């Protein structure tokens, strides 16, 4: 019975960690979207997509962009075939 309780506690911790990560991603994405909207207000002829691209690729916003978009990592490593 204790093993089941420990497993449930570990699973709960993992789920909370994933939820926190998703929240951080959502907040970072919202921040980038808000910055893009402000950029469009300054340059009305700019499309929403182009404004978001400019904000997302700006080196000054790299830390926010990294939180908003986490690239998938390989789960295993295989050597390159020759």
C-alpha atoms as a PDB file:
ATOM      1  CA  UNK A   1       0.000   0.000   0.000  1.00  0.00           C
ATOM      2  CA  UNK A   2       2.866   2.397   0.757  1.00  0.00           C
ATOM      3  CA  UNK A   3       4.295   1.825  -2.726  1.00  0.00           C
ATOM      4  CA  UNK A   4       1.005   2.942  -4.258  1.00  0.00           C
ATOM      5  CA  UNK A   5       0.999   6.083  -2.104  1.00  0.00           C
ATOM      6  CA  UNK A   6       4.603   6.882  -3.061  1.00  0.00           C
ATOM      7  CA  UNK A   7       3.824   6.305  -6.739  1.00  0.00           C
ATOM      8  CA  UNK A   8       0.793   8.584  -6.522  1.00  0.00           C
ATOM      9  CA  UNK A   9       2.856  11.287  -4.803  1.00  0.00           C
ATOM     10  CA  UNK A  10       5.577  11.066  -7.469  1.00  0.00           C
ATOM     11  CA  UNK A  11       2.995  11.178 -10.248  1.00  0.00           C
ATOM     12  CA  UNK A  12       1.329  14.192  -8.662  1.00  0.00           C
ATOM     13  CA  UNK A  13       4.680  16.005  -8.432  1.00  0.00           C
ATOM     14  CA  UNK A  14       5.409  15.234 -12.096  1.00  0.00           C
ATOM     15  CA  UNK A  15       1.970  16.490 -13.159  1.00  0.00           C
ATOM     16  CA  UNK A  16       2.391  19.699 -11.179  1.00  0.00           C
ATOM     17  CA  UNK A  17       5.792  20.240 -12.756  1.00  0.00           C
ATOM     18  CA  UNK A  18       4.359  19.777 -16.264  1.00  0.00           C
ATOM     19  CA  UNK A  19       1.477  22.130 -15.485  1.00  0.00           C
ATOM     20  CA  UNK A  20       3.897  24.772 -14.229  1.00  0.00           C
ATOM     21  CA  UNK A  21       5.957  24.396 -17.389  1.00  0.00           C
ATOM     22  CA  UNK A  22       2.859  24.782 -19.572  1.00  0.00           C
ATOM     23  CA  UNK A  23       1.840  27.864 -17.596  1.00  0.00           C
ATOM     24  CA  UNK A  24       5.257  29.430 -18.127  1.00  0.00           C
ATOM     25  CA  UNK A  25       5.034  28.675 -21.843  1.00  0.00           C
ATOM     26  CA  UNK A  26       1.563  30.198 -22.049  1.00  0.00           C
ATOM     27  CA  UNK A  27       2.645  33.333 -20.188  1.00  0.00           C
ATOM     28  CA  UNK A  28       5.704  33.766 -22.405  1.00  0.00           C
ATOM     29  CA  UNK A  29       3.608  33.324 -25.548  1.00  0.00           C
ATOM     30  CA  UNK A  30       1.078  35.860 -24.268  1.00  0.00           C
ATOM     31  CA  UNK A  31       3.895  38.286 -23.574  1.00  0.00           C
ATOM     32  CA  UNK A  32       5.254  37.879 -27.118  1.00  0.00           C
ATOM     33  CA  UNK A  33       1.765  38.363 -28.562  1.00  0.00           C
ATOM     34  CA  UNK A  34       1.292  41.536 -26.535  1.00  0.00           C
ATOM     35  CA  UNK A  35       4.651  42.862 -27.727  1.00  0.00           C
ATOM     36  CA  UNK A  36       3.653  42.101 -31.329  1.00  0.00           C
ATOM     37  CA  UNK A  37       0.384  43.989 -30.876  1.00  0.00           C
ATOM     38  CA  UNK A  38       2.292  47.018 -29.560  1.00  0.00           C
ATOM     39  CA  UNK A  39       4.614  46.829 -32.564  1.00  0.00           C
ATOM     40  CA  UNK A  40       1.627  46.747 -34.905  1.00  0.00           C
ATOM     41  CA  UNK A  41       0.205  49.815 -33.168  1.00  0.00           C
ATOM     42  CA  UNK A  42       3.415  51.661 -34.043  1.00  0.00           C
ATOM     43  CA  UNK A  43       3.468  50.293 -37.618  1.00  0.00           C
ATOM     44  CA  UNK A  44      -0.174  49.820 -38.728  1.00  0.00           C
ATOM     45  CA  UNK A  45       0.738  48.426 -42.165  1.00  0.00           C
ATOM     46  CA  UNK A  46       2.491  45.408 -40.629  1.00  0.00           C
ATOM     47  CA  UNK A  47       0.635  42.085 -40.643  1.00  0.00           C
ATOM     48  CA  UNK A  48       0.114  40.300 -37.308  1.00  0.00           C
ATOM     49  CA  UNK A  49       2.313  37.443 -38.489  1.00  0.00           C
ATOM     50  CA  UNK A  50       5.198  39.717 -39.466  1.00  0.00           C
ATOM     51  CA  UNK A  51       4.960  41.614 -36.164  1.00  0.00           C
ATOM     52  CA  UNK A  52       5.074  38.358 -34.209  1.00  0.00           C
ATOM     53  CA  UNK A  53       8.024  37.153 -36.285  1.00  0.00           C
ATOM     54  CA  UNK A  54       9.946  40.380 -35.607  1.00  0.00           C
ATOM     55  CA  UNK A  55       9.298  40.128 -31.859  1.00  0.00           C
ATOM     56  CA  UNK A  56      10.044  36.393 -31.730  1.00  0.00           C
ATOM     57  CA  UNK A  57      13.350  36.624 -33.636  1.00  0.00           C
ATOM     58  CA  UNK A  58      14.626  39.767 -31.904  1.00  0.00           C
ATOM     59  CA  UNK A  59      17.753  38.773 -29.920  1.00  0.00           C
ATOM     60  CA  UNK A  60      16.608  40.991 -27.037  1.00  0.00           C
ATOM     61  CA  UNK A  61      13.575  38.703 -26.596  1.00  0.00           C
ATOM     62  CA  UNK A  62      15.485  35.416 -26.869  1.00  0.00           C
ATOM     63  CA  UNK A  63      14.858  34.429 -23.240  1.00  0.00           C
ATOM     64  CA  UNK A  64      11.093  34.899 -23.677  1.00  0.00           C
ATOM     65  CA  UNK A  65      11.064  33.114 -27.046  1.00  0.00           C
ATOM     66  CA  UNK A  66      12.942  30.170 -25.531  1.00  0.00           C
ATOM     67  CA  UNK A  67      10.285  29.817 -22.834  1.00  0.00           C
ATOM     68  CA  UNK A  68       7.431  30.133 -25.329  1.00  0.00           C
ATOM     69  CA  UNK A  69       8.796  27.612 -27.806  1.00  0.00           C
ATOM     70  CA  UNK A  70      10.762  24.690 -26.491  1.00  0.00           C
ATOM     71  CA  UNK A  71      12.150  22.582 -29.303  1.00  0.00           C
ATOM     72  CA  UNK A  72      11.674  18.854 -28.880  1.00  0.00           C
ATOM     73  CA  UNK A  73      14.779  16.983 -27.889  1.00  0.00           C
ATOM     74  CA  UNK A  74      15.600  13.442 -28.927  1.00  0.00           C
ATOM     75  CA  UNK A  75      14.865  10.854 -26.295  1.00  0.00           C
ATOM     76  CA  UNK A  76      17.798   8.710 -27.377  1.00  0.00           C
ATOM     77  CA  UNK A  77      21.035   9.254 -29.204  1.00  0.00           C
ATOM     78  CA  UNK A  78      21.968   7.347 -32.316  1.00  0.00           C
ATOM     79  CA  UNK A  79      25.250   7.861 -34.181  1.00  0.00           C
ATOM     80  CA  UNK A  80      24.959   9.211 -37.709  1.00  0.00           C
ATOM     81  CA  UNK A  81      25.113   6.449 -40.333  1.00  0.00           C
ATOM     82  CA  UNK A  82      28.120   6.433 -42.610  1.00  0.00           C
END
